[in-house]
N, C-alpha and C. Protein backbone atom coordinates (compact mmCIF):
# COMPACT_ATOMS: atom_id res chain seq x y z
N MET A 1 183.05 78.25 163.44
CA MET A 1 184.68 77.69 162.74
C MET A 1 184.37 76.66 162.39
N LYS A 2 185.24 76.34 161.43
CA LYS A 2 185.23 74.76 160.91
C LYS A 2 186.53 74.58 160.30
N VAL A 3 187.39 73.43 160.28
CA VAL A 3 188.58 73.29 159.77
C VAL A 3 188.27 71.86 158.75
N GLU A 4 188.66 72.02 157.54
CA GLU A 4 188.44 71.27 156.54
C GLU A 4 189.69 71.32 155.53
N ASN A 5 190.25 69.97 155.31
CA ASN A 5 191.39 69.69 154.28
C ASN A 5 192.38 71.06 154.79
N GLY A 6 192.60 71.12 156.02
CA GLY A 6 193.76 72.07 156.44
C GLY A 6 193.24 73.85 156.33
N LYS A 7 191.94 73.89 155.59
CA LYS A 7 191.59 75.19 155.68
C LYS A 7 190.70 75.65 156.93
N LEU A 8 190.78 76.75 157.42
CA LEU A 8 189.85 77.34 158.34
C LEU A 8 188.69 78.14 157.80
N THR A 9 187.57 77.71 158.03
CA THR A 9 186.31 78.29 157.56
C THR A 9 185.65 78.99 158.67
N PHE A 10 184.85 79.99 158.51
CA PHE A 10 184.15 80.65 159.64
C PHE A 10 182.86 80.39 159.02
N ILE A 11 181.70 80.12 159.98
CA ILE A 11 180.34 79.57 159.42
C ILE A 11 179.68 80.89 160.35
N PHE A 12 179.01 81.73 159.84
CA PHE A 12 178.15 82.71 160.34
C PHE A 12 176.61 82.10 160.32
N GLN A 13 175.95 82.02 161.51
CA GLN A 13 174.45 82.04 161.57
C GLN A 13 173.73 83.25 161.74
N LEU A 14 173.01 83.90 160.98
CA LEU A 14 172.62 84.98 161.38
C LEU A 14 171.10 84.77 161.41
N SER A 15 170.64 85.52 162.82
CA SER A 15 169.04 85.38 162.93
C SER A 15 168.65 86.50 162.56
N ILE A 16 167.96 86.39 161.05
CA ILE A 16 167.29 87.44 160.35
C ILE A 16 165.92 87.10 160.39
N ARG A 17 165.07 88.06 161.08
CA ARG A 17 163.71 88.05 161.09
C ARG A 17 162.95 89.17 160.66
N LYS A 18 162.22 88.49 159.49
CA LYS A 18 161.47 89.55 158.72
C LYS A 18 160.32 90.30 159.64
N MET A 19 160.31 91.83 159.39
CA MET A 19 159.57 92.70 159.96
C MET A 19 158.00 92.12 159.66
N PRO A 20 157.22 92.16 160.67
CA PRO A 20 155.98 91.78 160.15
C PRO A 20 155.16 92.87 159.40
N THR A 21 153.98 92.29 158.71
CA THR A 21 153.18 92.88 157.65
C THR A 21 152.32 93.76 158.50
N TYR A 22 151.48 94.70 157.89
CA TYR A 22 150.33 95.24 158.65
C TYR A 22 149.42 94.56 159.13
N ILE A 23 149.02 93.59 158.42
CA ILE A 23 148.19 92.57 158.43
C ILE A 23 148.50 91.46 159.86
N GLU A 24 149.58 91.22 159.91
CA GLU A 24 149.98 90.50 161.01
C GLU A 24 150.08 91.38 162.47
N VAL A 25 150.42 92.79 162.00
CA VAL A 25 150.48 93.58 163.47
C VAL A 25 149.19 93.91 163.91
N VAL A 26 148.09 94.31 162.95
CA VAL A 26 146.84 94.39 163.39
C VAL A 26 146.14 93.29 164.05
N LYS A 27 146.51 91.93 163.60
CA LYS A 27 146.09 90.53 164.31
C LYS A 27 146.70 90.61 165.72
N PHE A 28 147.92 91.07 165.76
CA PHE A 28 148.67 90.75 166.96
C PHE A 28 148.38 91.94 167.94
N GLU A 29 147.89 93.16 167.45
CA GLU A 29 147.42 94.09 168.57
C GLU A 29 146.17 93.67 168.92
N GLU A 30 145.24 93.15 168.06
CA GLU A 30 143.92 92.89 168.49
C GLU A 30 143.67 91.64 169.28
N GLU A 31 144.72 90.87 169.41
CA GLU A 31 145.10 89.82 170.70
C GLU A 31 145.45 90.29 171.89
N ALA A 32 145.84 91.51 172.14
CA ALA A 32 146.66 92.26 173.37
C ALA A 32 145.54 92.45 174.51
N PRO A 33 145.76 92.00 175.70
CA PRO A 33 144.72 92.29 176.55
C PRO A 33 144.54 93.90 176.75
N ALA A 34 143.44 94.04 177.37
CA ALA A 34 143.13 95.57 177.48
C ALA A 34 143.96 96.59 178.33
N ASN A 35 144.79 95.81 179.24
CA ASN A 35 145.65 96.77 179.83
C ASN A 35 147.13 96.54 179.44
N THR A 36 147.62 96.43 178.09
CA THR A 36 148.67 95.95 177.52
C THR A 36 149.00 96.99 176.23
N ILE A 37 150.10 97.56 176.30
CA ILE A 37 150.67 98.22 175.11
C ILE A 37 151.69 97.49 174.41
N ARG A 38 151.33 97.09 173.33
CA ARG A 38 152.23 96.30 172.48
C ARG A 38 153.06 97.22 171.55
N LEU A 39 154.64 96.93 171.68
CA LEU A 39 155.55 97.66 170.81
C LEU A 39 156.31 96.54 169.90
N VAL A 40 156.11 97.29 168.58
CA VAL A 40 156.53 96.34 167.61
C VAL A 40 157.75 96.90 167.04
N LYS A 41 158.76 96.22 166.87
CA LYS A 41 160.19 96.50 166.08
C LYS A 41 160.02 96.53 164.88
N SER A 42 160.48 97.75 164.65
CA SER A 42 160.47 98.28 163.00
C SER A 42 161.54 98.82 162.64
N GLY A 43 162.66 98.02 161.96
CA GLY A 43 163.77 98.54 161.72
C GLY A 43 164.74 98.92 163.22
N GLU A 44 165.24 100.10 163.15
CA GLU A 44 165.57 100.79 164.26
C GLU A 44 164.83 101.21 165.43
N PHE A 45 163.37 101.51 164.85
CA PHE A 45 162.47 101.78 165.60
C PHE A 45 161.45 100.92 166.57
N TYR A 46 160.59 101.41 167.33
CA TYR A 46 159.44 100.70 167.95
C TYR A 46 158.36 101.43 167.57
N ARG A 47 157.37 100.66 167.39
CA ARG A 47 156.05 101.54 167.27
C ARG A 47 155.00 100.77 167.79
N ALA A 48 153.93 101.69 168.14
CA ALA A 48 152.58 101.18 168.71
C ALA A 48 151.73 101.61 167.93
N TYR A 49 150.70 100.40 167.62
CA TYR A 49 149.88 100.51 166.67
C TYR A 49 148.17 100.49 167.43
N ASN A 50 147.32 101.15 166.80
CA ASN A 50 146.11 101.29 167.34
C ASN A 50 145.89 101.71 168.92
N HIS A 51 145.22 100.66 169.38
CA HIS A 51 144.76 100.76 170.76
C HIS A 51 146.15 100.85 171.77
N SER A 52 147.23 100.56 171.26
CA SER A 52 148.39 100.59 172.05
C SER A 52 149.16 101.95 171.79
N ALA A 53 148.90 102.39 170.65
CA ALA A 53 149.45 103.73 170.48
C ALA A 53 148.64 104.88 171.25
N TRP A 54 147.26 104.46 171.41
CA TRP A 54 146.42 105.43 172.35
C TRP A 54 146.78 105.28 173.69
N LEU A 55 147.28 104.08 173.98
CA LEU A 55 147.43 103.66 175.90
C LEU A 55 148.77 104.41 176.03
N PHE A 56 149.72 104.32 174.92
CA PHE A 56 150.89 105.05 175.01
C PHE A 56 150.78 106.59 175.22
N GLN A 57 149.99 106.98 174.31
CA GLN A 57 149.85 108.54 174.38
C GLN A 57 149.18 108.95 175.74
N CYS A 58 148.39 108.29 176.09
CA CYS A 58 147.72 108.45 177.47
C CYS A 58 148.48 108.39 178.75
N PHE A 59 149.33 107.15 178.65
CA PHE A 59 150.07 106.75 180.07
C PHE A 59 151.32 106.99 180.09
N ILE A 60 152.11 107.08 179.04
CA ILE A 60 153.48 107.09 179.12
C ILE A 60 154.23 108.17 178.37
N THR A 61 154.01 108.65 177.12
CA THR A 61 154.60 109.96 176.59
C THR A 61 153.95 110.21 175.34
N GLU A 62 153.73 111.61 175.01
CA GLU A 62 153.27 111.78 173.57
C GLU A 62 154.21 111.74 172.60
N HIS A 63 153.73 111.20 171.46
CA HIS A 63 154.35 111.09 170.18
C HIS A 63 153.57 111.57 169.22
N LYS A 64 154.13 112.04 168.02
CA LYS A 64 153.44 112.38 166.88
C LYS A 64 152.57 110.96 166.30
N VAL A 65 151.25 111.12 166.20
CA VAL A 65 150.26 110.17 165.78
C VAL A 65 150.22 110.23 164.32
N MET A 66 150.45 108.95 163.61
CA MET A 66 150.45 108.88 162.42
C MET A 66 149.08 107.88 162.01
N ARG A 67 148.16 108.36 160.83
CA ARG A 67 146.90 107.31 160.45
C ARG A 67 147.10 107.22 158.99
N LYS A 68 147.07 105.81 158.70
CA LYS A 68 147.24 105.47 157.45
C LYS A 68 146.11 104.44 156.99
N TYR A 69 145.59 104.73 155.92
CA TYR A 69 144.42 103.74 154.98
C TYR A 69 145.28 102.75 154.86
N LEU A 70 144.53 101.30 154.99
CA LEU A 70 145.19 100.18 154.35
C LEU A 70 144.35 99.76 153.27
N LYS A 71 144.67 99.66 152.24
CA LYS A 71 143.72 99.21 151.13
C LYS A 71 143.36 97.45 151.62
N ALA A 72 144.51 96.98 151.59
CA ALA A 72 144.21 95.22 152.05
C ALA A 72 143.08 95.02 153.17
N LEU A 73 143.27 95.88 154.20
CA LEU A 73 142.22 95.59 155.44
C LEU A 73 141.31 96.36 155.39
N LYS A 74 141.00 97.55 154.27
CA LYS A 74 139.74 98.58 154.11
C LYS A 74 139.64 99.14 155.59
N THR A 75 140.88 99.64 156.01
CA THR A 75 140.68 100.32 157.35
C THR A 75 141.89 101.16 157.66
N ASP A 76 141.63 102.25 158.52
CA ASP A 76 142.61 102.71 159.08
C ASP A 76 143.62 102.35 160.09
N ILE A 77 144.82 102.50 160.07
CA ILE A 77 145.68 102.24 161.20
C ILE A 77 146.30 103.31 161.80
N TYR A 78 146.47 103.39 163.00
CA TYR A 78 147.13 104.40 163.76
C TYR A 78 148.30 103.91 164.55
N TYR A 79 149.31 104.78 164.34
CA TYR A 79 150.59 104.52 164.85
C TYR A 79 151.78 105.65 165.42
N ILE A 80 152.56 105.42 166.48
CA ILE A 80 153.53 106.19 167.04
C ILE A 80 154.85 105.58 166.63
N GLY A 81 155.90 106.24 167.01
CA GLY A 81 157.21 105.44 166.84
C GLY A 81 158.10 106.32 167.38
N PHE A 82 159.22 105.55 168.05
CA PHE A 82 160.35 106.18 168.62
C PHE A 82 161.60 105.37 168.38
N PRO A 83 162.61 106.04 168.25
CA PRO A 83 164.04 105.25 168.10
C PRO A 83 164.29 104.09 169.08
N GLU A 84 164.87 102.95 168.84
CA GLU A 84 164.95 101.86 169.42
C GLU A 84 165.93 102.23 170.85
N LYS A 85 166.77 103.09 170.72
CA LYS A 85 167.80 103.41 171.75
C LYS A 85 166.95 104.38 172.86
N SER A 86 165.88 104.70 172.52
CA SER A 86 165.23 105.48 173.55
C SER A 86 163.86 104.70 174.27
N LEU A 87 164.07 103.51 174.03
CA LEU A 87 162.70 102.42 174.58
C LEU A 87 162.64 102.69 176.07
N PHE A 88 163.79 102.35 176.72
CA PHE A 88 163.71 102.45 178.19
C PHE A 88 163.44 103.46 178.68
N ASN A 89 163.89 104.61 178.11
CA ASN A 89 163.55 106.08 178.47
C ASN A 89 162.02 106.25 178.29
N ASN A 90 161.31 105.85 177.56
CA ASN A 90 160.00 106.05 177.25
C ASN A 90 159.23 105.06 178.14
N ILE A 91 159.57 103.87 178.48
CA ILE A 91 158.86 102.91 179.30
C ILE A 91 159.20 102.86 180.80
N GLY A 92 160.27 103.45 181.10
CA GLY A 92 160.81 103.57 182.36
C GLY A 92 160.90 102.13 183.01
N GLU A 93 160.21 102.17 184.21
CA GLU A 93 160.48 100.74 185.29
C GLU A 93 158.97 100.21 185.32
N ARG A 94 158.38 100.30 184.17
CA ARG A 94 157.24 99.41 184.02
C ARG A 94 157.37 98.07 183.72
N LYS A 95 156.61 97.26 184.04
CA LYS A 95 156.98 95.77 183.71
C LYS A 95 156.87 95.51 182.35
N SER A 96 157.63 94.69 181.43
CA SER A 96 157.62 94.87 180.25
C SER A 96 158.19 92.89 179.91
N THR A 97 157.42 92.61 178.67
CA THR A 97 157.80 91.42 178.44
C THR A 97 158.26 91.04 177.09
N LYS A 98 159.36 90.58 176.53
CA LYS A 98 159.57 90.34 175.02
C LYS A 98 158.66 89.47 174.37
N THR A 99 158.27 89.83 173.33
CA THR A 99 157.21 89.39 172.57
C THR A 99 157.93 88.86 171.30
N GLU A 100 157.14 88.21 170.39
CA GLU A 100 157.63 87.88 168.97
C GLU A 100 158.03 89.04 168.12
N TYR A 101 157.32 90.01 168.19
CA TYR A 101 157.54 91.22 167.45
C TYR A 101 157.95 92.49 168.22
N GLY A 102 158.40 92.39 169.57
CA GLY A 102 158.97 93.56 170.15
C GLY A 102 158.74 93.41 171.67
N PHE A 103 157.86 94.19 172.45
CA PHE A 103 157.57 94.10 173.89
C PHE A 103 156.22 94.39 174.16
N ASP A 104 155.64 93.64 175.08
CA ASP A 104 154.57 94.12 175.68
C ASP A 104 154.49 94.90 176.97
N ILE A 105 154.01 95.82 177.12
CA ILE A 105 154.03 96.74 178.72
C ILE A 105 153.03 96.75 179.39
N GLU A 106 152.99 96.52 180.57
CA GLU A 106 151.72 96.23 181.17
C GLU A 106 151.41 97.52 182.08
N LEU A 107 150.19 97.96 182.02
CA LEU A 107 149.82 99.12 182.62
C LEU A 107 149.10 98.72 184.29
N MET A 108 148.89 99.46 184.81
CA MET A 108 148.08 98.92 186.28
C MET A 108 146.78 99.25 185.69
N GLU A 109 145.85 98.60 186.89
CA GLU A 109 144.61 98.32 186.76
C GLU A 109 143.78 99.67 186.46
N PHE A 110 144.45 100.74 187.24
CA PHE A 110 143.43 102.04 187.15
C PHE A 110 143.84 102.84 185.97
N GLU A 111 144.91 102.44 185.23
CA GLU A 111 145.19 103.04 184.17
C GLU A 111 144.50 103.07 182.77
N VAL A 112 143.54 102.04 182.61
CA VAL A 112 143.12 101.91 181.47
C VAL A 112 141.49 102.59 181.30
N PRO A 113 141.55 103.47 180.48
CA PRO A 113 140.41 104.76 180.39
C PRO A 113 139.48 103.73 179.68
N ASN A 114 138.21 104.71 179.68
CA ASN A 114 136.94 103.86 178.85
C ASN A 114 137.21 104.07 177.06
N GLU A 115 136.58 103.15 176.49
CA GLU A 115 136.78 102.82 175.32
C GLU A 115 136.11 104.10 174.29
N GLU A 116 135.09 104.71 174.85
CA GLU A 116 134.60 105.54 174.22
C GLU A 116 135.59 106.90 174.12
N ALA A 117 136.58 106.78 174.84
CA ALA A 117 137.86 107.91 174.55
C ALA A 117 138.57 107.56 173.70
N TYR A 118 138.83 106.41 173.21
CA TYR A 118 139.59 105.82 172.35
C TYR A 118 138.86 106.10 170.92
N GLU A 119 137.80 105.89 170.77
CA GLU A 119 136.98 106.29 169.54
C GLU A 119 137.13 107.80 169.25
N THR A 120 136.96 108.61 170.21
CA THR A 120 137.13 109.80 170.01
C THR A 120 138.66 110.12 169.58
N TRP A 121 139.64 109.67 170.28
CA TRP A 121 141.04 109.77 169.88
C TRP A 121 141.25 109.54 168.21
N LYS A 122 140.73 108.42 168.12
CA LYS A 122 140.79 107.82 166.63
C LYS A 122 140.43 108.96 165.54
N MET A 123 139.26 109.27 165.98
CA MET A 123 138.69 110.61 164.72
C MET A 123 139.51 111.95 164.91
N SER A 124 140.22 112.11 165.87
CA SER A 124 141.04 113.44 165.97
C SER A 124 142.10 113.29 165.14
N ILE A 125 142.56 112.00 164.55
CA ILE A 125 143.91 111.93 163.82
C ILE A 125 143.65 112.35 162.55
N GLU A 126 144.37 112.71 161.84
CA GLU A 126 144.54 113.09 160.35
C GLU A 126 145.28 111.96 160.02
N THR A 127 144.67 111.58 158.41
CA THR A 127 145.41 110.80 157.43
C THR A 127 146.55 111.33 156.97
N GLU A 128 147.46 110.31 156.82
CA GLU A 128 148.94 110.47 156.64
C GLU A 128 148.97 110.42 154.92
N GLN A 129 149.73 111.34 154.48
CA GLN A 129 149.98 111.55 153.12
C GLN A 129 150.99 110.46 152.72
N SER A 130 151.02 109.62 151.97
CA SER A 130 151.72 108.39 151.44
C SER A 130 152.62 108.79 150.38
N SER A 131 153.86 108.51 150.61
CA SER A 131 154.94 108.40 149.35
C SER A 131 154.22 107.80 148.14
N LYS A 132 153.22 106.92 148.15
CA LYS A 132 152.81 106.03 147.06
C LYS A 132 151.50 106.45 146.37
N GLY A 133 151.27 107.58 146.95
CA GLY A 133 150.06 108.12 146.23
C GLY A 133 148.78 107.37 146.87
N ASP A 134 148.86 106.89 147.98
CA ASP A 134 147.84 106.40 148.74
C ASP A 134 147.16 107.34 149.56
N PHE A 135 146.70 108.39 149.22
CA PHE A 135 146.15 109.30 150.11
C PHE A 135 144.67 108.51 150.57
N HIS A 136 144.21 108.84 151.72
CA HIS A 136 142.95 108.53 152.38
C HIS A 136 142.16 108.33 150.98
N SER A 137 141.85 106.86 150.86
CA SER A 137 141.24 106.72 149.38
C SER A 137 139.68 106.93 149.29
N LEU A 138 139.28 107.92 149.12
CA LEU A 138 137.78 108.44 148.85
C LEU A 138 137.61 108.81 147.57
N PRO A 139 136.67 108.16 146.90
CA PRO A 139 136.26 108.56 145.66
C PRO A 139 135.64 109.90 145.48
N ILE A 140 136.40 111.08 144.92
CA ILE A 140 135.71 112.38 144.65
C ILE A 140 135.92 112.63 143.38
N THR A 141 135.10 113.80 142.66
CA THR A 141 135.06 114.08 141.69
C THR A 141 135.25 115.68 141.30
N GLY A 142 135.43 115.97 140.03
CA GLY A 142 135.60 117.32 139.49
C GLY A 142 135.96 118.40 140.87
N ALA A 143 135.04 119.30 140.91
CA ALA A 143 135.28 120.37 142.03
C ALA A 143 135.80 119.86 143.24
N GLU A 144 135.24 118.70 143.76
CA GLU A 144 135.83 118.25 145.07
C GLU A 144 137.41 117.93 144.95
N ALA A 145 137.50 117.51 143.87
CA ALA A 145 139.00 117.10 143.91
C ALA A 145 139.80 118.39 143.70
N GLU A 146 139.25 119.36 143.20
CA GLU A 146 140.11 120.58 142.78
C GLU A 146 140.25 121.29 144.24
N ARG A 147 139.23 121.01 145.14
CA ARG A 147 139.28 121.91 146.83
C ARG A 147 140.25 120.69 147.52
N GLU A 148 140.29 119.60 147.02
CA GLU A 148 141.11 118.81 147.86
C GLU A 148 142.77 119.01 147.58
N VAL A 149 142.77 119.22 146.26
CA VAL A 149 144.47 119.34 146.00
C VAL A 149 144.75 120.98 146.49
N ILE A 150 143.72 121.99 146.45
CA ILE A 150 144.02 122.85 147.15
C ILE A 150 144.36 123.01 148.51
N LYS A 151 143.61 122.02 149.07
CA LYS A 151 143.71 121.82 150.75
C LYS A 151 145.10 121.44 150.85
N ARG A 152 145.39 120.36 150.30
CA ARG A 152 146.72 119.60 150.31
C ARG A 152 147.92 120.68 150.26
N ILE A 153 147.81 121.03 149.12
CA ILE A 153 148.93 122.30 148.93
C ILE A 153 149.10 123.07 150.08
N LYS A 154 148.02 123.37 150.58
CA LYS A 154 148.09 124.61 151.74
C LYS A 154 148.66 123.91 153.01
N ASP A 155 148.23 122.66 153.13
CA ASP A 155 148.70 121.86 154.51
C ASP A 155 150.05 121.22 153.97
N PHE A 156 150.86 121.18 152.63
CA PHE A 156 151.98 120.77 152.76
C PHE A 156 153.12 121.49 153.17
N PRO A 157 153.73 120.89 153.88
CA PRO A 157 155.17 121.75 154.63
C PRO A 157 156.22 121.86 153.91
N LEU A 158 156.20 122.53 152.89
CA LEU A 158 157.15 122.67 151.65
C LEU A 158 158.39 123.00 152.47
N GLU A 159 158.60 123.92 153.29
CA GLU A 159 159.69 124.06 153.69
C GLU A 159 160.54 122.90 154.35
N ASN A 160 160.07 121.90 154.87
CA ASN A 160 160.57 120.92 155.43
C ASN A 160 160.55 119.60 154.63
N LYS A 161 160.55 119.68 153.49
CA LYS A 161 160.60 118.55 152.60
C LYS A 161 161.71 118.85 151.57
N THR A 162 162.24 117.68 150.87
CA THR A 162 163.26 117.51 150.21
C THR A 162 162.75 117.76 148.71
N MET A 163 163.50 117.94 147.51
CA MET A 163 163.22 117.81 146.11
C MET A 163 162.41 116.77 145.85
N ILE A 164 162.80 115.50 146.43
CA ILE A 164 162.13 114.26 145.85
C ILE A 164 160.83 114.19 146.40
N GLU A 165 160.82 114.42 147.67
CA GLU A 165 159.42 114.42 148.36
C GLU A 165 158.49 115.15 147.93
N CYS A 166 158.89 116.72 147.44
CA CYS A 166 158.03 117.53 146.56
C CYS A 166 157.71 116.99 145.08
N THR A 167 158.64 116.48 144.65
CA THR A 167 158.10 115.97 143.23
C THR A 167 157.23 114.67 143.41
N VAL A 168 157.39 113.85 144.42
CA VAL A 168 156.30 112.89 144.58
C VAL A 168 155.15 113.54 145.15
N PHE A 169 155.02 114.39 145.69
CA PHE A 169 153.74 115.03 146.20
C PHE A 169 153.05 115.68 145.03
N LEU A 170 153.73 116.29 144.04
CA LEU A 170 153.41 116.61 142.82
C LEU A 170 152.79 115.82 142.05
N SER A 171 153.37 114.62 142.10
CA SER A 171 153.05 113.25 141.00
C SER A 171 151.67 112.87 141.89
N GLU A 172 151.53 112.87 142.96
CA GLU A 172 150.27 112.56 143.63
C GLU A 172 148.99 113.15 143.48
N LEU A 173 149.42 114.63 143.38
CA LEU A 173 148.33 115.58 143.23
C LEU A 173 147.70 115.38 141.46
N ARG A 174 148.92 114.98 140.61
CA ARG A 174 148.36 114.94 139.38
C ARG A 174 147.52 113.67 138.98
N LYS A 175 147.86 112.39 139.91
CA LYS A 175 147.18 111.49 139.59
C LYS A 175 145.82 111.84 140.27
N LEU A 176 145.67 112.43 141.25
CA LEU A 176 144.29 112.69 142.15
C LEU A 176 143.46 113.42 140.83
N LEU A 177 144.13 114.58 140.49
CA LEU A 177 143.46 115.24 139.41
C LEU A 177 143.11 114.47 138.03
N ASN A 178 144.01 113.91 137.46
CA ASN A 178 143.64 112.81 136.24
C ASN A 178 142.70 111.73 136.53
N ASN A 179 142.67 111.28 137.78
CA ASN A 179 141.62 109.97 137.99
C ASN A 179 140.19 110.73 138.17
N THR A 180 139.89 112.08 138.32
CA THR A 180 138.79 112.63 138.65
C THR A 180 138.16 113.32 137.44
N LEU A 181 138.84 113.48 136.39
CA LEU A 181 138.67 114.43 135.26
C LEU A 181 137.60 113.39 134.20
């Protein structure tokens, strides 16, 4: 609050922190100790990526795992998410430390499984269909594209989607077919 020339003025300082990019998140995750789950704040949610998502699934609680191909990094990322309000319901009494992007949760020494299990887990996760037409970008041609479109139509949960999501899905299918003709 400030007074100038008899006028009362309120001054607000907002602490606005931008959300990290996927590149920043992947780097942040790679720097995590082996026995640590890194949670990244994303809007009203917390997300665990890659190794942290796997550890979260193994030792805390299961959530739906998403897999997304990032063209910029030429790799897949894996993540789980849950609402900010349920953070402490999810982590319980575990030791946690505030970080630049969210929280680190320390696991006990006996809780870290072998890395082969992590690789197996990654291979079991299906790729997410992006709303931006960024399907798992594998070059496919002709008959392969048609089979892929049929598979995606069969797998698309139409009854759980809005009209806009259905329209976007159809547009993505059209792009897939047009790029392969």
